[in-house]
């Protein structure tokens, strides 16, 4: 399987998940390539969805107070070919990342 293909989403008890082919860096790691370089190398485009913008205010507050995001189903971007590559709780709140293969130029 490659990051350009969907994977089975099995979220943890906090509602987080990442694609098995997504590089994961520990805090303090310095990746050799930037996200943009990696994205171009593997041939995907990425779209980020912020939970705060994607959920109604009441649902967001309930999830925030409850300490988990299992009930959040991130909205898929418009267009074809998108698949989820990560749902993470960040310093800026929960976010989901969608990817799709870059279309070849005609």
N, C-alpha and C. Protein backbone atom coordinates (compact mmCIF):
# COMPACT_ATOMS: atom_id res chain seq x y z
N UNK A 1 0.85 -1.18 0.00
CA UNK A 1 0.00 0.00 0.00
C UNK A 1 0.89 1.24 0.00
N UNK A 2 0.40 2.29 -0.59
CA UNK A 2 1.13 3.56 -0.63
C UNK A 2 0.23 4.66 -0.10
N UNK A 3 0.83 5.76 0.25
CA UNK A 3 0.08 6.91 0.78
C UNK A 3 -0.92 7.42 -0.26
N UNK A 4 -0.72 7.07 -1.53
CA UNK A 4 -1.64 7.49 -2.58
C UNK A 4 -2.90 6.65 -2.61
N UNK A 5 -2.96 5.61 -1.76
CA UNK A 5 -4.11 4.71 -1.70
C UNK A 5 -4.77 4.78 -0.32
N UNK A 6 -6.09 4.61 -0.26
CA UNK A 6 -6.78 4.62 1.04
C UNK A 6 -6.33 3.45 1.92
N UNK A 7 -6.43 3.66 3.22
CA UNK A 7 -6.16 2.61 4.20
C UNK A 7 -7.37 2.50 5.12
N UNK A 8 -7.48 1.37 5.79
CA UNK A 8 -8.56 1.19 6.76
C UNK A 8 -8.31 2.12 7.94
N UNK A 9 -9.33 2.91 8.28
CA UNK A 9 -9.21 3.88 9.38
C UNK A 9 -9.66 3.21 10.67
N UNK A 10 -8.73 3.03 11.59
CA UNK A 10 -9.02 2.48 12.91
C UNK A 10 -8.52 3.47 13.94
N UNK A 11 -9.44 4.30 14.41
CA UNK A 11 -9.08 5.39 15.31
C UNK A 11 -8.81 4.88 16.72
N UNK A 12 -7.91 5.59 17.42
CA UNK A 12 -7.61 5.22 18.81
C UNK A 12 -8.70 5.77 19.73
N UNK A 13 -8.52 5.59 21.03
CA UNK A 13 -9.56 5.99 21.99
C UNK A 13 -9.79 7.50 22.05
N UNK A 14 -8.89 8.29 21.49
CA UNK A 14 -9.08 9.74 21.43
C UNK A 14 -9.61 10.18 20.06
N UNK A 15 -9.75 9.24 19.16
CA UNK A 15 -10.27 9.57 17.84
C UNK A 15 -9.19 9.88 16.81
N UNK A 16 -7.93 9.65 17.17
CA UNK A 16 -6.83 9.96 16.26
C UNK A 16 -6.46 8.73 15.43
N UNK A 17 -5.81 8.98 14.29
CA UNK A 17 -5.38 7.92 13.40
C UNK A 17 -4.43 8.51 12.38
N UNK A 18 -3.54 7.69 11.82
CA UNK A 18 -2.74 8.12 10.68
C UNK A 18 -2.54 6.95 9.72
N UNK A 19 -2.45 7.27 8.46
CA UNK A 19 -2.22 6.29 7.40
C UNK A 19 -0.91 5.57 7.71
N UNK A 20 -0.86 4.25 7.52
CA UNK A 20 0.36 3.52 7.86
C UNK A 20 1.59 3.95 7.05
N UNK A 21 1.41 4.58 5.89
CA UNK A 21 2.54 5.03 5.10
C UNK A 21 2.86 6.51 5.29
N UNK A 22 2.22 7.14 6.23
CA UNK A 22 2.50 8.55 6.54
C UNK A 22 3.70 8.61 7.46
N UNK A 23 4.75 9.35 7.09
CA UNK A 23 5.88 9.46 8.01
C UNK A 23 5.46 10.17 9.29
N UNK A 24 5.86 9.63 10.41
CA UNK A 24 5.52 10.21 11.71
C UNK A 24 6.83 10.57 12.40
N UNK A 25 6.94 11.82 12.79
CA UNK A 25 8.14 12.30 13.45
C UNK A 25 7.85 12.58 14.90
N UNK A 26 8.77 12.23 15.75
CA UNK A 26 8.66 12.54 17.17
C UNK A 26 9.03 14.00 17.38
N UNK A 27 8.51 14.58 18.45
CA UNK A 27 8.84 15.97 18.75
C UNK A 27 10.35 16.10 18.87
N UNK A 28 10.89 17.10 18.23
CA UNK A 28 12.33 17.32 18.25
C UNK A 28 13.04 16.74 17.05
N UNK A 29 12.38 15.81 16.32
CA UNK A 29 12.98 15.27 15.10
C UNK A 29 13.05 16.37 14.05
N UNK A 30 14.06 16.31 13.23
CA UNK A 30 14.18 17.23 12.12
C UNK A 30 14.15 16.42 10.84
N UNK A 31 12.99 16.39 10.16
CA UNK A 31 12.92 15.60 8.93
C UNK A 31 13.89 16.15 7.88
N UNK A 32 14.42 15.24 7.08
CA UNK A 32 15.37 15.64 6.05
C UNK A 32 14.71 16.43 4.93
N UNK A 33 13.44 16.20 4.71
CA UNK A 33 12.74 16.94 3.67
C UNK A 33 11.51 17.62 4.28
N UNK A 34 11.10 18.69 3.67
CA UNK A 34 9.92 19.40 4.15
C UNK A 34 8.67 18.65 3.72
N UNK A 35 7.56 18.99 4.33
CA UNK A 35 6.29 18.38 3.94
C UNK A 35 6.03 18.62 2.45
N UNK A 36 6.32 19.80 1.98
CA UNK A 36 6.08 20.12 0.57
C UNK A 36 6.96 19.26 -0.34
N UNK A 37 8.21 19.07 0.02
CA UNK A 37 9.09 18.20 -0.77
C UNK A 37 8.57 16.76 -0.75
N UNK A 38 8.17 16.28 0.42
CA UNK A 38 7.64 14.92 0.54
C UNK A 38 6.37 14.76 -0.29
N UNK A 39 5.46 15.72 -0.19
CA UNK A 39 4.20 15.68 -0.93
C UNK A 39 4.46 15.57 -2.43
N UNK A 40 5.38 16.37 -2.94
CA UNK A 40 5.71 16.33 -4.37
C UNK A 40 6.37 15.00 -4.73
N UNK A 41 7.25 14.50 -3.87
CA UNK A 41 7.96 13.24 -4.16
C UNK A 41 7.00 12.07 -4.25
N UNK A 42 6.01 12.01 -3.35
CA UNK A 42 5.08 10.87 -3.37
C UNK A 42 3.90 11.10 -4.31
N UNK A 43 3.73 12.31 -4.82
CA UNK A 43 2.71 12.57 -5.83
C UNK A 43 1.31 12.75 -5.30
N UNK A 44 1.16 13.51 -4.21
CA UNK A 44 -0.18 13.77 -3.67
C UNK A 44 -0.39 15.26 -3.45
N UNK A 45 -1.64 15.64 -3.41
CA UNK A 45 -2.01 16.95 -2.89
C UNK A 45 -2.70 16.71 -1.57
N UNK A 46 -2.63 17.69 -0.68
CA UNK A 46 -3.15 17.55 0.68
C UNK A 46 -4.15 18.67 0.96
N UNK A 47 -5.21 18.32 1.69
CA UNK A 47 -6.21 19.30 2.13
C UNK A 47 -6.42 19.10 3.63
N UNK A 48 -6.34 20.18 4.40
CA UNK A 48 -6.52 20.12 5.85
C UNK A 48 -7.92 20.58 6.23
N UNK A 49 -8.52 19.87 7.20
CA UNK A 49 -9.83 20.23 7.74
C UNK A 49 -9.68 20.42 9.24
N UNK A 50 -10.02 21.60 9.75
CA UNK A 50 -9.98 21.88 11.19
C UNK A 50 -11.32 21.52 11.80
N UNK A 51 -11.29 20.76 12.89
CA UNK A 51 -12.54 20.33 13.54
C UNK A 51 -13.39 21.54 13.95
N UNK A 52 -12.76 22.57 14.45
CA UNK A 52 -13.50 23.73 14.92
C UNK A 52 -14.32 24.37 13.80
N UNK A 53 -13.78 24.34 12.59
CA UNK A 53 -14.49 24.90 11.44
C UNK A 53 -15.45 23.91 10.81
N UNK A 54 -15.24 22.61 11.08
CA UNK A 54 -15.99 21.55 10.43
C UNK A 54 -17.20 21.09 11.24
N UNK A 55 -17.22 21.40 12.53
CA UNK A 55 -18.30 20.95 13.41
C UNK A 55 -19.14 22.14 13.84
N UNK A 56 -20.41 21.87 14.18
CA UNK A 56 -21.17 22.97 14.75
C UNK A 56 -20.62 23.24 16.16
N UNK A 57 -20.86 24.42 16.66
CA UNK A 57 -20.24 24.87 17.91
C UNK A 57 -20.56 23.94 19.09
N UNK A 58 -21.80 23.50 19.20
CA UNK A 58 -22.20 22.65 20.31
C UNK A 58 -21.47 21.30 20.28
N UNK A 59 -21.40 20.69 19.10
CA UNK A 59 -20.71 19.40 18.97
C UNK A 59 -19.23 19.55 19.26
N UNK A 60 -18.64 20.66 18.81
CA UNK A 60 -17.22 20.90 19.07
C UNK A 60 -16.97 21.04 20.57
N UNK A 61 -17.80 21.82 21.26
CA UNK A 61 -17.63 22.01 22.70
C UNK A 61 -17.80 20.69 23.46
N UNK A 62 -18.76 19.87 23.05
CA UNK A 62 -18.96 18.57 23.70
C UNK A 62 -17.73 17.69 23.52
N UNK A 63 -17.18 17.66 22.31
CA UNK A 63 -15.99 16.85 22.05
C UNK A 63 -14.81 17.39 22.84
N UNK A 64 -14.66 18.71 22.88
CA UNK A 64 -13.55 19.34 23.62
C UNK A 64 -13.64 19.00 25.09
N UNK A 65 -14.83 19.13 25.67
CA UNK A 65 -15.02 18.83 27.10
C UNK A 65 -14.88 17.34 27.40
N UNK A 66 -15.26 16.50 26.42
CA UNK A 66 -15.21 15.05 26.62
C UNK A 66 -13.83 14.46 26.41
N UNK A 67 -12.92 15.23 25.83
CA UNK A 67 -11.56 14.77 25.66
C UNK A 67 -11.32 13.81 24.52
N UNK A 68 -12.24 13.75 23.57
CA UNK A 68 -12.03 12.85 22.44
C UNK A 68 -12.77 13.30 21.20
N UNK A 69 -12.34 12.76 20.08
CA UNK A 69 -12.88 13.20 18.79
C UNK A 69 -13.44 12.05 17.99
N UNK A 70 -13.82 10.95 18.68
CA UNK A 70 -14.35 9.79 17.98
C UNK A 70 -15.63 10.11 17.21
N UNK A 71 -16.42 11.04 17.69
CA UNK A 71 -17.67 11.39 17.02
C UNK A 71 -17.51 12.29 15.82
N UNK A 72 -16.31 12.83 15.62
CA UNK A 72 -16.08 13.74 14.49
C UNK A 72 -15.75 12.94 13.25
N UNK A 73 -16.55 13.13 12.23
CA UNK A 73 -16.28 12.55 10.92
C UNK A 73 -15.89 13.71 10.01
N UNK A 74 -14.60 13.90 9.78
CA UNK A 74 -14.14 15.06 9.00
C UNK A 74 -14.76 15.10 7.60
N UNK A 75 -15.15 16.29 7.19
CA UNK A 75 -15.74 16.49 5.87
C UNK A 75 -14.70 16.27 4.78
N UNK A 76 -15.08 15.50 3.77
CA UNK A 76 -14.20 15.25 2.63
C UNK A 76 -14.21 16.48 1.73
N UNK A 77 -13.06 16.88 1.21
CA UNK A 77 -13.02 18.02 0.28
C UNK A 77 -13.81 17.72 -0.99
N UNK A 78 -14.21 18.77 -1.66
CA UNK A 78 -14.91 18.62 -2.94
C UNK A 78 -13.97 18.01 -3.97
N UNK A 79 -14.53 17.25 -4.86
CA UNK A 79 -13.74 16.63 -5.92
C UNK A 79 -13.55 15.14 -5.68
N UNK A 80 -12.98 14.49 -6.65
CA UNK A 80 -12.81 13.03 -6.63
C UNK A 80 -11.44 12.63 -6.08
N UNK A 81 -11.38 11.40 -5.58
CA UNK A 81 -10.10 10.78 -5.25
C UNK A 81 -9.53 11.03 -3.88
N UNK A 82 -10.22 11.79 -3.02
CA UNK A 82 -9.68 12.10 -1.69
C UNK A 82 -9.81 10.90 -0.75
N UNK A 83 -8.78 10.68 0.06
CA UNK A 83 -8.84 9.68 1.13
C UNK A 83 -8.13 10.26 2.36
N UNK A 84 -8.59 9.83 3.51
CA UNK A 84 -8.06 10.32 4.77
C UNK A 84 -6.65 9.79 5.00
N UNK A 85 -5.74 10.68 5.44
CA UNK A 85 -4.40 10.21 5.79
C UNK A 85 -4.06 10.47 7.25
N UNK A 86 -4.83 11.32 7.95
CA UNK A 86 -4.55 11.53 9.38
C UNK A 86 -5.68 12.31 10.04
N UNK A 87 -5.88 11.98 11.32
CA UNK A 87 -6.71 12.78 12.23
C UNK A 87 -5.86 12.92 13.49
N UNK A 88 -5.51 14.13 13.83
CA UNK A 88 -4.64 14.37 14.99
C UNK A 88 -5.17 15.51 15.83
N UNK A 89 -4.88 15.46 17.12
CA UNK A 89 -5.14 16.58 18.02
C UNK A 89 -3.85 17.38 18.08
N UNK A 90 -3.90 18.62 17.64
CA UNK A 90 -2.71 19.46 17.58
C UNK A 90 -2.81 20.58 18.60
N UNK A 91 -1.77 21.38 18.68
CA UNK A 91 -1.79 22.56 19.56
C UNK A 91 -2.90 23.52 19.16
N UNK A 92 -3.29 23.48 17.89
CA UNK A 92 -4.34 24.36 17.37
C UNK A 92 -5.70 23.68 17.34
N UNK A 93 -5.81 22.50 17.95
CA UNK A 93 -7.06 21.76 17.96
C UNK A 93 -7.00 20.60 16.98
N UNK A 94 -8.04 19.77 16.97
CA UNK A 94 -8.08 18.60 16.10
C UNK A 94 -8.11 18.99 14.62
N UNK A 95 -7.37 18.23 13.84
CA UNK A 95 -7.32 18.46 12.40
C UNK A 95 -7.29 17.13 11.69
N UNK A 96 -7.83 17.14 10.49
CA UNK A 96 -7.78 15.97 9.62
C UNK A 96 -7.08 16.38 8.34
N UNK A 97 -6.35 15.42 7.78
CA UNK A 97 -5.66 15.66 6.52
C UNK A 97 -6.16 14.64 5.51
N UNK A 98 -6.55 15.15 4.36
CA UNK A 98 -7.00 14.33 3.23
C UNK A 98 -5.94 14.41 2.15
N UNK A 99 -5.82 13.37 1.34
CA UNK A 99 -4.87 13.37 0.24
C UNK A 99 -5.52 12.74 -0.99
N UNK A 100 -4.99 13.08 -2.14
CA UNK A 100 -5.35 12.40 -3.37
C UNK A 100 -4.16 12.49 -4.30
N UNK A 101 -4.04 11.50 -5.17
CA UNK A 101 -2.92 11.52 -6.12
C UNK A 101 -3.01 12.76 -7.00
N UNK A 102 -1.86 13.31 -7.30
CA UNK A 102 -1.80 14.45 -8.22
C UNK A 102 -2.10 13.93 -9.62
N UNK A 103 -3.00 14.61 -10.29
CA UNK A 103 -3.35 14.21 -11.65
C UNK A 103 -2.19 14.54 -12.58
N UNK A 104 -1.91 13.60 -13.46
CA UNK A 104 -0.87 13.81 -14.45
C UNK A 104 -1.28 14.91 -15.43
N UNK A 105 -0.34 15.73 -15.84
CA UNK A 105 -0.62 16.78 -16.82
C UNK A 105 -0.95 16.13 -18.17
N UNK A 106 -1.95 16.71 -18.83
CA UNK A 106 -2.38 16.14 -20.13
C UNK A 106 -1.42 16.51 -21.22
